[in-house]
Full PDB file with SEQRES, HELIX, SHEET, SSBOND, CRYST1, ORIGX, SCALE, CONECT and MASTER records, all heavy atoms in Angstrom:
SEQRES   1 A   29  HIS ARG PHE GLY THR ALA GLU GLN LYS GLU ARG TRP LEU          
SEQRES   2 A   29  PRO LYS LEU LEU SER GLY GLU ALA LEU ALA GLY PHE GLY          
SEQRES   3 A   29  LEU THR GLU                                                  
HELIX    1 AA1 ALA A    6  SER A   18  1                                  13    
CRYST1    1.000    1.000    1.000  90.00  90.00  90.00 P 1           1          
ORIGX1      1.000000  0.000000  0.000000        0.00000                         
ORIGX2      0.000000  1.000000  0.000000        0.00000                         
ORIGX3      0.000000  0.000000  1.000000        0.00000                         
SCALE1      1.000000  0.000000  0.000000        0.00000                         
SCALE2      0.000000  1.000000  0.000000        0.00000                         
SCALE3      0.000000  0.000000  1.000000        0.00000                         
ATOM      1  N   HIS A   1      -0.154  -5.439   2.154  1.00  0.00           N  
ATOM      2  CA  HIS A   1       0.035  -6.180   3.402  1.00  0.00           C  
ATOM      3  C   HIS A   1      -0.020  -7.687   3.172  1.00  0.00           C  
ATOM      4  O   HIS A   1       0.781  -8.438   3.733  1.00  0.00           O  
ATOM      5  CB  HIS A   1      -1.042  -5.764   4.400  1.00  0.00           C  
ATOM      6  CG  HIS A   1      -1.102  -6.619   5.630  1.00  0.00           C  
ATOM      7  ND1 HIS A   1      -0.055  -6.716   6.533  1.00  0.00           N  
ATOM      8  CD2 HIS A   1      -2.084  -7.450   6.095  1.00  0.00           C  
ATOM      9  CE1 HIS A   1      -0.390  -7.543   7.505  1.00  0.00           C  
ATOM     10  NE2 HIS A   1      -1.607  -8.013   7.258  1.00  0.00           N  
ATOM     11  N   ARG A   2      -0.957  -8.135   2.353  1.00  0.00           N  
ATOM     12  CA  ARG A   2      -1.140  -9.572   2.126  1.00  0.00           C  
ATOM     13  C   ARG A   2      -0.042 -10.166   1.249  1.00  0.00           C  
ATOM     14  O   ARG A   2       0.429 -11.278   1.496  1.00  0.00           O  
ATOM     15  CB  ARG A   2      -2.488  -9.833   1.462  1.00  0.00           C  
ATOM     16  CG  ARG A   2      -3.696  -9.524   2.317  1.00  0.00           C  
ATOM     17  CD  ARG A   2      -4.074 -10.706   3.170  1.00  0.00           C  
ATOM     18  NE  ARG A   2      -5.308 -10.426   3.901  1.00  0.00           N  
ATOM     19  CZ  ARG A   2      -5.479 -10.689   5.183  1.00  0.00           C  
ATOM     20  NH1 ARG A   2      -4.496 -11.226   5.877  1.00  0.00           N  
ATOM     21  NH2 ARG A   2      -6.619 -10.412   5.774  1.00  0.00           N  
ATOM     22  N   PHE A   3       0.347  -9.454   0.202  1.00  0.00           N  
ATOM     23  CA  PHE A   3       1.177 -10.058  -0.844  1.00  0.00           C  
ATOM     24  C   PHE A   3       2.502  -9.351  -1.098  1.00  0.00           C  
ATOM     25  O   PHE A   3       3.313  -9.842  -1.877  1.00  0.00           O  
ATOM     26  CB  PHE A   3       0.381 -10.110  -2.164  1.00  0.00           C  
ATOM     27  CG  PHE A   3      -1.000 -10.657  -2.015  1.00  0.00           C  
ATOM     28  CD1 PHE A   3      -2.109  -9.850  -2.250  1.00  0.00           C  
ATOM     29  CD2 PHE A   3      -1.214 -11.972  -1.614  1.00  0.00           C  
ATOM     30  CE1 PHE A   3      -3.402 -10.346  -2.113  1.00  0.00           C  
ATOM     31  CE2 PHE A   3      -2.490 -12.483  -1.474  1.00  0.00           C  
ATOM     32  CZ  PHE A   3      -3.589 -11.669  -1.720  1.00  0.00           C  
ATOM     33  N   GLY A   4       2.737  -8.213  -0.452  1.00  0.00           N  
ATOM     34  CA  GLY A   4       3.936  -7.434  -0.741  1.00  0.00           C  
ATOM     35  C   GLY A   4       5.203  -8.009  -0.148  1.00  0.00           C  
ATOM     36  O   GLY A   4       5.186  -8.799   0.816  1.00  0.00           O  
ATOM     37  N   THR A   5       6.329  -7.604  -0.727  1.00  0.00           N  
ATOM     38  CA  THR A   5       7.637  -7.970  -0.177  1.00  0.00           C  
ATOM     39  C   THR A   5       7.925  -7.100   1.039  1.00  0.00           C  
ATOM     40  O   THR A   5       7.232  -6.099   1.295  1.00  0.00           O  
ATOM     41  CB  THR A   5       8.739  -7.740  -1.227  1.00  0.00           C  
ATOM     42  OG1 THR A   5       8.795  -6.330  -1.534  1.00  0.00           O  
ATOM     43  CG2 THR A   5       8.453  -8.525  -2.503  1.00  0.00           C  
ATOM     44  N   ALA A   6       8.948  -7.460   1.778  1.00  0.00           N  
ATOM     45  CA  ALA A   6       9.329  -6.666   2.952  1.00  0.00           C  
ATOM     46  C   ALA A   6       9.661  -5.240   2.535  1.00  0.00           C  
ATOM     47  O   ALA A   6       9.308  -4.271   3.226  1.00  0.00           O  
ATOM     48  CB  ALA A   6      10.521  -7.315   3.651  1.00  0.00           C  
ATOM     49  N   GLU A   7      10.330  -5.092   1.393  1.00  0.00           N  
ATOM     50  CA  GLU A   7      10.688  -3.760   0.902  1.00  0.00           C  
ATOM     51  C   GLU A   7       9.450  -2.954   0.522  1.00  0.00           C  
ATOM     52  O   GLU A   7       9.360  -1.755   0.824  1.00  0.00           O  
ATOM     53  CB  GLU A   7      11.614  -3.886  -0.304  1.00  0.00           C  
ATOM     54  CG  GLU A   7      12.075  -2.542  -0.856  1.00  0.00           C  
ATOM     55  CD  GLU A   7      12.967  -2.698  -2.068  1.00  0.00           C  
ATOM     56  OE1 GLU A   7      13.338  -3.848  -2.400  1.00  0.00           O  
ATOM     57  OE2 GLU A   7      13.295  -1.665  -2.698  1.00  0.00           O  
ATOM     58  N   GLN A   8       8.480  -3.590  -0.145  1.00  0.00           N  
ATOM     59  CA  GLN A   8       7.250  -2.897  -0.540  1.00  0.00           C  
ATOM     60  C   GLN A   8       6.451  -2.470   0.685  1.00  0.00           C  
ATOM     61  O   GLN A   8       5.909  -1.360   0.733  1.00  0.00           O  
ATOM     62  CB  GLN A   8       6.420  -3.807  -1.435  1.00  0.00           C  
ATOM     63  CG  GLN A   8       7.004  -4.018  -2.818  1.00  0.00           C  
ATOM     64  CD  GLN A   8       6.303  -5.127  -3.592  1.00  0.00           C  
ATOM     65  OE1 GLN A   8       5.587  -5.948  -3.015  1.00  0.00           O  
ATOM     66  NE2 GLN A   8       6.518  -5.155  -4.903  1.00  0.00           N  
ATOM     67  N   LYS A   9       6.391  -3.332   1.672  1.00  0.00           N  
ATOM     68  CA  LYS A   9       5.668  -2.989   2.893  1.00  0.00           C  
ATOM     69  C   LYS A   9       6.335  -1.823   3.610  1.00  0.00           C  
ATOM     70  O   LYS A   9       5.665  -0.903   4.075  1.00  0.00           O  
ATOM     71  CB  LYS A   9       5.599  -4.198   3.822  1.00  0.00           C  
ATOM     72  CG  LYS A   9       4.745  -5.346   3.298  1.00  0.00           C  
ATOM     73  CD  LYS A   9       4.782  -6.528   4.239  1.00  0.00           C  
ATOM     74  CE  LYS A   9       3.959  -7.684   3.697  1.00  0.00           C  
ATOM     75  NZ  LYS A   9       4.003  -8.862   4.585  1.00  0.00           N  
ATOM     76  N   GLU A  10       7.654  -1.857   3.709  1.00  0.00           N  
ATOM     77  CA  GLU A  10       8.386  -0.790   4.397  1.00  0.00           C  
ATOM     78  C   GLU A  10       8.231   0.540   3.675  1.00  0.00           C  
ATOM     79  O   GLU A  10       8.133   1.600   4.307  1.00  0.00           O  
ATOM     80  CB  GLU A  10       9.863  -1.164   4.493  1.00  0.00           C  
ATOM     81  CG  GLU A  10      10.693  -0.157   5.277  1.00  0.00           C  
ATOM     82  CD  GLU A  10      12.147  -0.570   5.403  1.00  0.00           C  
ATOM     83  OE1 GLU A  10      12.469  -1.714   5.025  1.00  0.00           O  
ATOM     84  OE2 GLU A  10      12.965   0.251   5.869  1.00  0.00           O  
ATOM     85  N   ARG A  11       8.158   0.492   2.346  1.00  0.00           N  
ATOM     86  CA  ARG A  11       8.068   1.724   1.566  1.00  0.00           C  
ATOM     87  C   ARG A  11       6.679   2.346   1.620  1.00  0.00           C  
ATOM     88  O   ARG A  11       6.540   3.569   1.763  1.00  0.00           O  
ATOM     89  CB  ARG A  11       8.435   1.454   0.105  1.00  0.00           C  
ATOM     90  CG  ARG A  11       8.308   2.695  -0.785  1.00  0.00           C  
ATOM     91  CD  ARG A  11       8.651   2.403  -2.232  1.00  0.00           C  
ATOM     92  NE  ARG A  11       8.482   3.585  -3.068  1.00  0.00           N  
ATOM     93  CZ  ARG A  11       8.654   3.608  -4.388  1.00  0.00           C  
ATOM     94  NH1 ARG A  11       9.013   2.493  -5.029  1.00  0.00           N  
ATOM     95  NH2 ARG A  11       8.466   4.732  -5.063  1.00  0.00           N  
ATOM     96  N   TRP A  12       5.638   1.529   1.508  1.00  0.00           N  
ATOM     97  CA  TRP A  12       4.299   2.063   1.307  1.00  0.00           C  
ATOM     98  C   TRP A  12       3.388   2.048   2.528  1.00  0.00           C  
ATOM     99  O   TRP A  12       2.576   2.955   2.707  1.00  0.00           O  
ATOM    100  CB  TRP A  12       3.601   1.292   0.168  1.00  0.00           C  
ATOM    101  CG  TRP A  12       4.266   1.390  -1.154  1.00  0.00           C  
ATOM    102  CD1 TRP A  12       4.896   0.397  -1.848  1.00  0.00           C  
ATOM    103  CD2 TRP A  12       4.390   2.561  -1.979  1.00  0.00           C  
ATOM    104  NE1 TRP A  12       5.398   0.858  -3.040  1.00  0.00           N  
ATOM    105  CE2 TRP A  12       5.094   2.187  -3.147  1.00  0.00           C  
ATOM    106  CE3 TRP A  12       3.975   3.887  -1.842  1.00  0.00           C  
ATOM    107  CZ2 TRP A  12       5.391   3.085  -4.163  1.00  0.00           C  
ATOM    108  CZ3 TRP A  12       4.265   4.778  -2.857  1.00  0.00           C  
ATOM    109  CH2 TRP A  12       4.957   4.388  -3.999  1.00  0.00           C  
ATOM    110  N   LEU A  13       3.480   1.012   3.356  1.00  0.00           N  
ATOM    111  CA  LEU A  13       2.474   0.850   4.401  1.00  0.00           C  
ATOM    112  C   LEU A  13       2.445   1.959   5.456  1.00  0.00           C  
ATOM    113  O   LEU A  13       1.353   2.381   5.866  1.00  0.00           O  
ATOM    114  CB  LEU A  13       2.621  -0.513   5.080  1.00  0.00           C  
ATOM    115  CG  LEU A  13       2.140  -1.708   4.259  1.00  0.00           C  
ATOM    116  CD1 LEU A  13       2.277  -3.007   5.064  1.00  0.00           C  
ATOM    117  CD2 LEU A  13       0.685  -1.528   3.806  1.00  0.00           C  
ATOM    118  N   PRO A  14       3.577   2.452   5.946  1.00  0.00           N  
ATOM    119  CA  PRO A  14       3.492   3.481   7.000  1.00  0.00           C  
ATOM    120  C   PRO A  14       2.611   4.672   6.622  1.00  0.00           C  
ATOM    121  O   PRO A  14       1.782   5.119   7.431  1.00  0.00           O  
ATOM    122  CB  PRO A  14       4.952   3.883   7.207  1.00  0.00           C  
ATOM    123  CG  PRO A  14       5.716   2.646   6.874  1.00  0.00           C  
ATOM    124  CD  PRO A  14       4.980   2.052   5.710  1.00  0.00           C  
ATOM    125  N   LYS A  15       2.766   5.200   5.415  1.00  0.00           N  
ATOM    126  CA  LYS A  15       1.953   6.352   5.013  1.00  0.00           C  
ATOM    127  C   LYS A  15       0.497   5.967   4.754  1.00  0.00           C  
ATOM    128  O   LYS A  15      -0.423   6.740   5.038  1.00  0.00           O  
ATOM    129  CB  LYS A  15       2.550   7.010   3.770  1.00  0.00           C  
ATOM    130  CG  LYS A  15       3.824   7.784   4.046  1.00  0.00           C  
ATOM    131  CD  LYS A  15       4.270   8.569   2.826  1.00  0.00           C  
ATOM    132  CE  LYS A  15       5.493   9.426   3.153  1.00  0.00           C  
ATOM    133  NZ  LYS A  15       5.942  10.230   1.984  1.00  0.00           N  
ATOM    134  N   LEU A  16       0.285   4.767   4.210  1.00  0.00           N  
ATOM    135  CA  LEU A  16      -1.085   4.333   3.947  1.00  0.00           C  
ATOM    136  C   LEU A  16      -1.842   4.074   5.239  1.00  0.00           C  
ATOM    137  O   LEU A  16      -3.034   4.381   5.353  1.00  0.00           O  
ATOM    138  CB  LEU A  16      -1.086   3.073   3.082  1.00  0.00           C  
ATOM    139  CG  LEU A  16      -0.521   3.211   1.664  1.00  0.00           C  
ATOM    140  CD1 LEU A  16      -0.543   1.857   0.949  1.00  0.00           C  
ATOM    141  CD2 LEU A  16      -1.295   4.255   0.864  1.00  0.00           C  
ATOM    142  N   LEU A  17      -1.178   3.510   6.233  1.00  0.00           N  
ATOM    143  CA  LEU A  17      -1.845   3.165   7.488  1.00  0.00           C  
ATOM    144  C   LEU A  17      -2.058   4.365   8.393  1.00  0.00           C  
ATOM    145  O   LEU A  17      -2.913   4.331   9.283  1.00  0.00           O  
ATOM    146  CB  LEU A  17      -1.045   2.093   8.237  1.00  0.00           C  
ATOM    147  CG  LEU A  17      -0.731   0.806   7.463  1.00  0.00           C  
ATOM    148  CD1 LEU A  17      -0.236  -0.278   8.410  1.00  0.00           C  
ATOM    149  CD2 LEU A  17      -1.926   0.319   6.672  1.00  0.00           C  
ATOM    150  N   SER A  18      -1.307   5.428   8.145  1.00  0.00           N  
ATOM    151  CA  SER A  18      -1.490   6.649   8.930  1.00  0.00           C  
ATOM    152  C   SER A  18      -2.530   7.573   8.306  1.00  0.00           C  
ATOM    153  O   SER A  18      -2.942   8.554   8.924  1.00  0.00           O  
ATOM    154  CB  SER A  18      -0.166   7.401   9.056  1.00  0.00           C  
ATOM    155  OG  SER A  18       0.230   7.922   7.794  1.00  0.00           O  
ATOM    156  N   GLY A  19      -2.931   7.273   7.069  1.00  0.00           N  
ATOM    157  CA  GLY A  19      -3.875   8.130   6.370  1.00  0.00           C  
ATOM    158  C   GLY A  19      -3.206   9.313   5.686  1.00  0.00           C  
ATOM    159  O   GLY A  19      -3.886  10.142   5.081  1.00  0.00           O  
ATOM    160  N   GLU A  20      -1.879   9.394   5.747  1.00  0.00           N  
ATOM    161  CA  GLU A  20      -1.161  10.459   5.043  1.00  0.00           C  
ATOM    162  C   GLU A  20      -1.262  10.277   3.537  1.00  0.00           C  
ATOM    163  O   GLU A  20      -1.176  11.246   2.780  1.00  0.00           O  
ATOM    164  CB  GLU A  20       0.314  10.460   5.457  1.00  0.00           C  
ATOM    165  CG  GLU A  20       0.574  10.797   6.910  1.00  0.00           C  
ATOM    166  CD  GLU A  20       2.057  10.685   7.235  1.00  0.00           C  
ATOM    167  OE1 GLU A  20       2.860  11.377   6.558  1.00  0.00           O  
ATOM    168  OE2 GLU A  20       2.415   9.904   8.132  1.00  0.00           O  
ATOM    169  N   ALA A  21      -1.426   9.024   3.103  1.00  0.00           N  
ATOM    170  CA  ALA A  21      -1.521   8.718   1.680  1.00  0.00           C  
ATOM    171  C   ALA A  21      -2.635   7.709   1.455  1.00  0.00           C  
ATOM    172  O   ALA A  21      -3.019   6.969   2.370  1.00  0.00           O  
ATOM    173  CB  ALA A  21      -0.193   8.166   1.157  1.00  0.00           C  
ATOM    174  N   LEU A  22      -3.161   7.691   0.231  1.00  0.00           N  
ATOM    175  CA  LEU A  22      -4.188   6.744  -0.161  1.00  0.00           C  
ATOM    176  C   LEU A  22      -3.687   5.914  -1.338  1.00  0.00           C  
ATOM    177  O   LEU A  22      -2.772   6.320  -2.057  1.00  0.00           O  
ATOM    178  CB  LEU A  22      -5.477   7.467  -0.564  1.00  0.00           C  
ATOM    179  CG  LEU A  22      -6.157   8.328   0.501  1.00  0.00           C  
ATOM    180  CD1 LEU A  22      -7.348   9.059  -0.106  1.00  0.00           C  
ATOM    181  CD2 LEU A  22      -6.607   7.477   1.683  1.00  0.00           C  
ATOM    182  N   ALA A  23      -4.314   4.768  -1.539  1.00  0.00           N  
ATOM    183  CA  ALA A  23      -3.976   3.924  -2.681  1.00  0.00           C  
ATOM    184  C   ALA A  23      -5.258   3.390  -3.298  1.00  0.00           C  
ATOM    185  O   ALA A  23      -6.262   3.191  -2.615  1.00  0.00           O  
ATOM    186  CB  ALA A  23      -3.077   2.757  -2.246  1.00  0.00           C  
ATOM    187  N   GLY A  24      -5.222   3.171  -4.605  1.00  0.00           N  
ATOM    188  CA  GLY A  24      -6.361   2.608  -5.314  1.00  0.00           C  
ATOM    189  C   GLY A  24      -6.044   1.211  -5.808  1.00  0.00           C  
ATOM    190  O   GLY A  24      -4.883   0.789  -5.835  1.00  0.00           O  
ATOM    191  N   PHE A  25      -7.083   0.498  -6.233  1.00  0.00           N  
ATOM    192  CA  PHE A  25      -6.924  -0.866  -6.742  1.00  0.00           C  
ATOM    193  C   PHE A  25      -7.544  -0.928  -8.137  1.00  0.00           C  
ATOM    194  O   PHE A  25      -8.767  -0.855  -8.285  1.00  0.00           O  
ATOM    195  CB  PHE A  25      -7.612  -1.862  -5.800  1.00  0.00           C  
ATOM    196  CG  PHE A  25      -7.379  -3.310  -6.155  1.00  0.00           C  
ATOM    197  CD1 PHE A  25      -6.128  -3.875  -5.994  1.00  0.00           C  
ATOM    198  CD2 PHE A  25      -8.410  -4.100  -6.632  1.00  0.00           C  
ATOM    199  CE1 PHE A  25      -5.902  -5.205  -6.309  1.00  0.00           C  
ATOM    200  CE2 PHE A  25      -8.196  -5.438  -6.940  1.00  0.00           C  
ATOM    201  CZ  PHE A  25      -6.946  -5.990  -6.779  1.00  0.00           C  
ATOM    202  N   GLY A  26      -6.707  -1.025  -9.161  1.00  0.00           N  
ATOM    203  CA  GLY A  26      -7.180  -0.979 -10.540  1.00  0.00           C  
ATOM    204  C   GLY A  26      -7.523  -2.352 -11.068  1.00  0.00           C  
ATOM    205  O   GLY A  26      -6.669  -3.040 -11.654  1.00  0.00           O  
ATOM    206  N   LEU A  27      -8.777  -2.736 -10.904  1.00  0.00           N  
ATOM    207  CA  LEU A  27      -9.249  -4.029 -11.398  1.00  0.00           C  
ATOM    208  C   LEU A  27     -10.225  -3.854 -12.554  1.00  0.00           C  
ATOM    209  O   LEU A  27     -10.002  -4.347 -13.660  1.00  0.00           O  
ATOM    210  CB  LEU A  27      -9.915  -4.815 -10.262  1.00  0.00           C  
ATOM    211  CG  LEU A  27     -10.671  -6.088 -10.654  1.00  0.00           C  
ATOM    212  CD1 LEU A  27      -9.713  -7.097 -11.271  1.00  0.00           C  
ATOM    213  CD2 LEU A  27     -11.373  -6.694  -9.435  1.00  0.00           C  
ATOM    214  N   THR A  28     -11.320  -3.141 -12.317  1.00  0.00           N  
ATOM    215  CA  THR A  28     -12.383  -2.999 -13.318  1.00  0.00           C  
ATOM    216  C   THR A  28     -11.899  -2.231 -14.546  1.00  0.00           C  
ATOM    217  O   THR A  28     -11.154  -1.265 -14.432  1.00  0.00           O  
ATOM    218  CB  THR A  28     -13.589  -2.268 -12.699  1.00  0.00           C  
ATOM    219  OG1 THR A  28     -14.014  -2.978 -11.539  1.00  0.00           O  
ATOM    220  CG2 THR A  28     -14.740  -2.194 -13.686  1.00  0.00           C  
ATOM    221  N   GLU A  29     -12.346  -2.680 -15.709  1.00  0.00           N  
ATOM    222  CA  GLU A  29     -12.015  -2.013 -16.962  1.00  0.00           C  
ATOM    223  C   GLU A  29     -13.293  -1.603 -17.686  1.00  0.00           C  
ATOM    224  O   GLU A  29     -14.362  -2.164 -17.427  1.00  0.00           O  
ATOM    225  CB  GLU A  29     -11.158  -2.925 -17.842  1.00  0.00           C  
ATOM    226  CG  GLU A  29      -9.817  -3.266 -17.203  1.00  0.00           C  
ATOM    227  CD  GLU A  29      -8.898  -4.031 -18.143  1.00  0.00           C  
ATOM    228  OE1 GLU A  29      -9.315  -4.360 -19.274  1.00  0.00           O  
ATOM    229  OE2 GLU A  29      -7.758  -4.315 -17.729  1.00  0.00           O  
TER     230      GLU A  29                                                      
MASTER        0    0    0    1    0    0    0    6  229    1    0    3          
END                                                                             
């Protein structure tokens, strides 16, 4: 939402915001 392109938002956000899908954030190693 903060940094994605319009295409990335359209592709991923609807399912993530509905709870149909989840996403992780890979920072720690």
